[in-house]
Amino acid sequence: MPADRAADPADPADPVDTLAAALVRACRALAAAGRTDDAARIAADGWLALRTTRPALALKLDGAMHYIARLEQRGERAAARAGAHHDPGSPLPQEESA
């Protein structure tokens, strides 16, 4: 089993848990690829679908939305340092490591 799947607390017997975990991974990957607006909208749709019937799973999507927001903020800060405006549809600039 891959390492990223071992840390996944989803119950494999529950398809909704499995789908929610996959949705979180997909949203994070989409955001990391620079498509933060799309990732945030998809995560919000998932949160809305789960918030009343499966609140624990909705919290996982809430966490994904916070991750996406932080990625977007880092991209905006990096663009400001470079003197350019970040286009939300383009890949995020890489931050320089100290």
C-alpha atoms as a PDB file:
ATOM      1  CA  MET A   1       0.000   0.000   0.000  1.00  0.00           C
ATOM      2  CA  PRO A   2       1.444   3.451  -0.936  1.00  0.00           C
ATOM      3  CA  ALA A   3       2.498   5.676   1.962  1.00  0.00           C
ATOM      4  CA  ASP A   4      -0.091   8.369   1.172  1.00  0.00           C
ATOM      5  CA  ARG A   5      -2.877   5.780   1.404  1.00  0.00           C
ATOM      6  CA  ALA A   6      -1.608   4.371   4.719  1.00  0.00           C
ATOM      7  CA  ALA A   7      -2.197   7.729   6.435  1.00  0.00           C
ATOM      8  CA  ASP A   8      -5.735   7.955   5.051  1.00  0.00           C
ATOM      9  CA  PRO A   9      -8.210   7.335   7.904  1.00  0.00           C
ATOM     10  CA  ALA A  10     -11.114   6.576   5.527  1.00  0.00           C
ATOM     11  CA  ASP A  11     -13.076   3.419   6.258  1.00  0.00           C
ATOM     12  CA  PRO A  12     -12.559   1.228   3.178  1.00  0.00           C
ATOM     13  CA  ALA A  13     -15.899  -0.469   3.825  1.00  0.00           C
ATOM     14  CA  ASP A  14     -17.758   2.849   3.408  1.00  0.00           C
ATOM     15  CA  PRO A  15     -17.765   4.109  -0.186  1.00  0.00           C
ATOM     16  CA  VAL A  16     -18.653   7.656   0.925  1.00  0.00           C
ATOM     17  CA  ASP A  17     -15.525   7.764   3.123  1.00  0.00           C
ATOM     18  CA  THR A  18     -13.452   6.478   0.213  1.00  0.00           C
ATOM     19  CA  LEU A  19     -14.930   8.985  -2.233  1.00  0.00           C
ATOM     20  CA  ALA A  20     -14.470  11.894   0.194  1.00  0.00           C
ATOM     21  CA  ALA A  21     -10.814  10.965   0.742  1.00  0.00           C
ATOM     22  CA  ALA A  22     -10.289  10.744  -3.019  1.00  0.00           C
ATOM     23  CA  LEU A  23     -11.987  14.122  -3.490  1.00  0.00           C
ATOM     24  CA  VAL A  24      -9.704  15.726  -0.901  1.00  0.00           C
ATOM     25  CA  ARG A  25      -6.608  14.304  -2.628  1.00  0.00           C
ATOM     26  CA  ALA A  26      -7.858  15.427  -6.039  1.00  0.00           C
ATOM     27  CA  CYS A  27      -8.627  18.962  -4.831  1.00  0.00           C
ATOM     28  CA  ARG A  28      -5.197  19.289  -3.230  1.00  0.00           C
ATOM     29  CA  ALA A  29      -3.500  18.029  -6.399  1.00  0.00           C
ATOM     30  CA  LEU A  30      -5.543  20.389  -8.567  1.00  0.00           C
ATOM     31  CA  ALA A  31      -4.581  23.314  -6.334  1.00  0.00           C
ATOM     32  CA  ALA A  32      -0.914  22.308  -6.348  1.00  0.00           C
ATOM     33  CA  ALA A  33      -1.091  22.321 -10.151  1.00  0.00           C
ATOM     34  CA  GLY A  34      -2.130  25.983  -9.997  1.00  0.00           C
ATOM     35  CA  ARG A  35      -5.878  25.588 -10.414  1.00  0.00           C
ATOM     36  CA  THR A  36      -6.794  26.903  -6.990  1.00  0.00           C
ATOM     37  CA  ASP A  37     -10.143  28.426  -8.009  1.00  0.00           C
ATOM     38  CA  ASP A  38     -11.358  25.158  -9.517  1.00  0.00           C
ATOM     39  CA  ALA A  39     -10.054  23.162  -6.555  1.00  0.00           C
ATOM     40  CA  ALA A  40     -11.755  25.469  -4.054  1.00  0.00           C
ATOM     41  CA  ARG A  41     -15.088  25.300  -5.888  1.00  0.00           C
ATOM     42  CA  ILE A  42     -15.001  21.503  -6.071  1.00  0.00           C
ATOM     43  CA  ALA A  43     -14.032  21.179  -2.392  1.00  0.00           C
ATOM     44  CA  ALA A  44     -16.827  23.594  -1.433  1.00  0.00           C
ATOM     45  CA  ASP A  45     -19.343  21.553  -3.448  1.00  0.00           C
ATOM     46  CA  GLY A  46     -18.244  18.422  -1.606  1.00  0.00           C
ATOM     47  CA  TRP A  47     -18.424  20.182   1.755  1.00  0.00           C
ATOM     48  CA  LEU A  48     -21.933  21.398   0.984  1.00  0.00           C
ATOM     49  CA  ALA A  49     -23.045  17.884   0.040  1.00  0.00           C
ATOM     50  CA  LEU A  50     -21.671  16.357   3.260  1.00  0.00           C
ATOM     51  CA  ARG A  51     -22.066  19.074   5.900  1.00  0.00           C
ATOM     52  CA  THR A  52     -25.378  17.909   7.345  1.00  0.00           C
ATOM     53  CA  THR A  53     -25.304  14.160   6.754  1.00  0.00           C
ATOM     54  CA  ARG A  54     -21.582  13.453   7.252  1.00  0.00           C
ATOM     55  CA  PRO A  55     -20.069  16.375   9.198  1.00  0.00           C
ATOM     56  CA  ALA A  56     -16.798  14.548   9.973  1.00  0.00           C
ATOM     57  CA  LEU A  57     -16.183  14.069   6.259  1.00  0.00           C
ATOM     58  CA  ALA A  58     -17.207  17.673   5.582  1.00  0.00           C
ATOM     59  CA  LEU A  59     -14.438  18.738   7.990  1.00  0.00           C
ATOM     60  CA  LYS A  60     -11.881  16.957   5.803  1.00  0.00           C
ATOM     61  CA  LEU A  61     -13.053  19.012   2.838  1.00  0.00           C
ATOM     62  CA  ASP A  62     -12.925  22.130   5.004  1.00  0.00           C
ATOM     63  CA  GLY A  63      -9.289  21.293   5.686  1.00  0.00           C
ATOM     64  CA  ALA A  64      -8.689  20.952   1.948  1.00  0.00           C
ATOM     65  CA  MET A  65     -10.227  24.395   1.392  1.00  0.00           C
ATOM     66  CA  HIS A  66      -7.869  25.909   3.984  1.00  0.00           C
ATOM     67  CA  TYR A  67      -4.904  24.191   2.300  1.00  0.00           C
ATOM     68  CA  ILE A  68      -6.009  25.588  -1.069  1.00  0.00           C
ATOM     69  CA  ALA A  69      -6.383  29.101   0.369  1.00  0.00           C
ATOM     70  CA  ARG A  70      -2.855  28.954   1.823  1.00  0.00           C
ATOM     71  CA  LEU A  71      -1.449  27.831  -1.538  1.00  0.00           C
ATOM     72  CA  GLU A  72      -3.211  30.703  -3.250  1.00  0.00           C
ATOM     73  CA  GLN A  73      -1.911  33.216  -0.691  1.00  0.00           C
ATOM     74  CA  ARG A  74       1.651  31.958  -1.166  1.00  0.00           C
ATOM     75  CA  GLY A  75       1.255  32.302  -4.918  1.00  0.00           C
ATOM     76  CA  GLU A  76       0.001  35.854  -4.568  1.00  0.00           C
ATOM     77  CA  ARG A  77       2.882  36.775  -2.246  1.00  0.00           C
ATOM     78  CA  ALA A  78       5.407  35.251  -4.645  1.00  0.00           C
ATOM     79  CA  ALA A  79       3.835  37.113  -7.572  1.00  0.00           C
ATOM     80  CA  ALA A  80       3.951  40.389  -5.610  1.00  0.00           C
ATOM     81  CA  ARG A  81       7.646  39.829  -4.859  1.00  0.00           C
ATOM     82  CA  ALA A  82       8.227  39.210  -8.564  1.00  0.00           C
ATOM     83  CA  GLY A  83       6.294  42.379  -9.411  1.00  0.00           C
ATOM     84  CA  ALA A  84       3.612  40.507 -11.331  1.00  0.00           C
ATOM     85  CA  HIS A  85      -0.071  39.824 -10.794  1.00  0.00           C
ATOM     86  CA  HIS A  86      -0.873  36.120 -10.375  1.00  0.00           C
ATOM     87  CA  ASP A  87      -3.483  34.838 -12.823  1.00  0.00           C
ATOM     88  CA  PRO A  88      -5.589  32.268 -10.864  1.00  0.00           C
ATOM     89  CA  GLY A  89      -5.768  30.082 -13.972  1.00  0.00           C
ATOM     90  CA  SER A  90      -1.996  29.796 -14.322  1.00  0.00           C
ATOM     91  CA  PRO A  91       0.370  27.588 -12.293  1.00  0.00           C
ATOM     92  CA  LEU A  92       1.550  29.035  -9.004  1.00  0.00           C
ATOM     93  CA  PRO A  93       5.071  30.427  -8.937  1.00  0.00           C
ATOM     94  CA  GLN A  94       7.545  28.418  -6.887  1.00  0.00           C
ATOM     95  CA  GLU A  95       8.610  29.991  -3.616  1.00  0.00           C
ATOM     96  CA  GLU A  96      12.289  30.435  -3.026  1.00  0.00           C
ATOM     97  CA  SER A  97      13.601  28.419  -0.105  1.00  0.00           C
ATOM     98  CA  ALA A  98      15.711  30.163   2.492  1.00  0.00           C
END
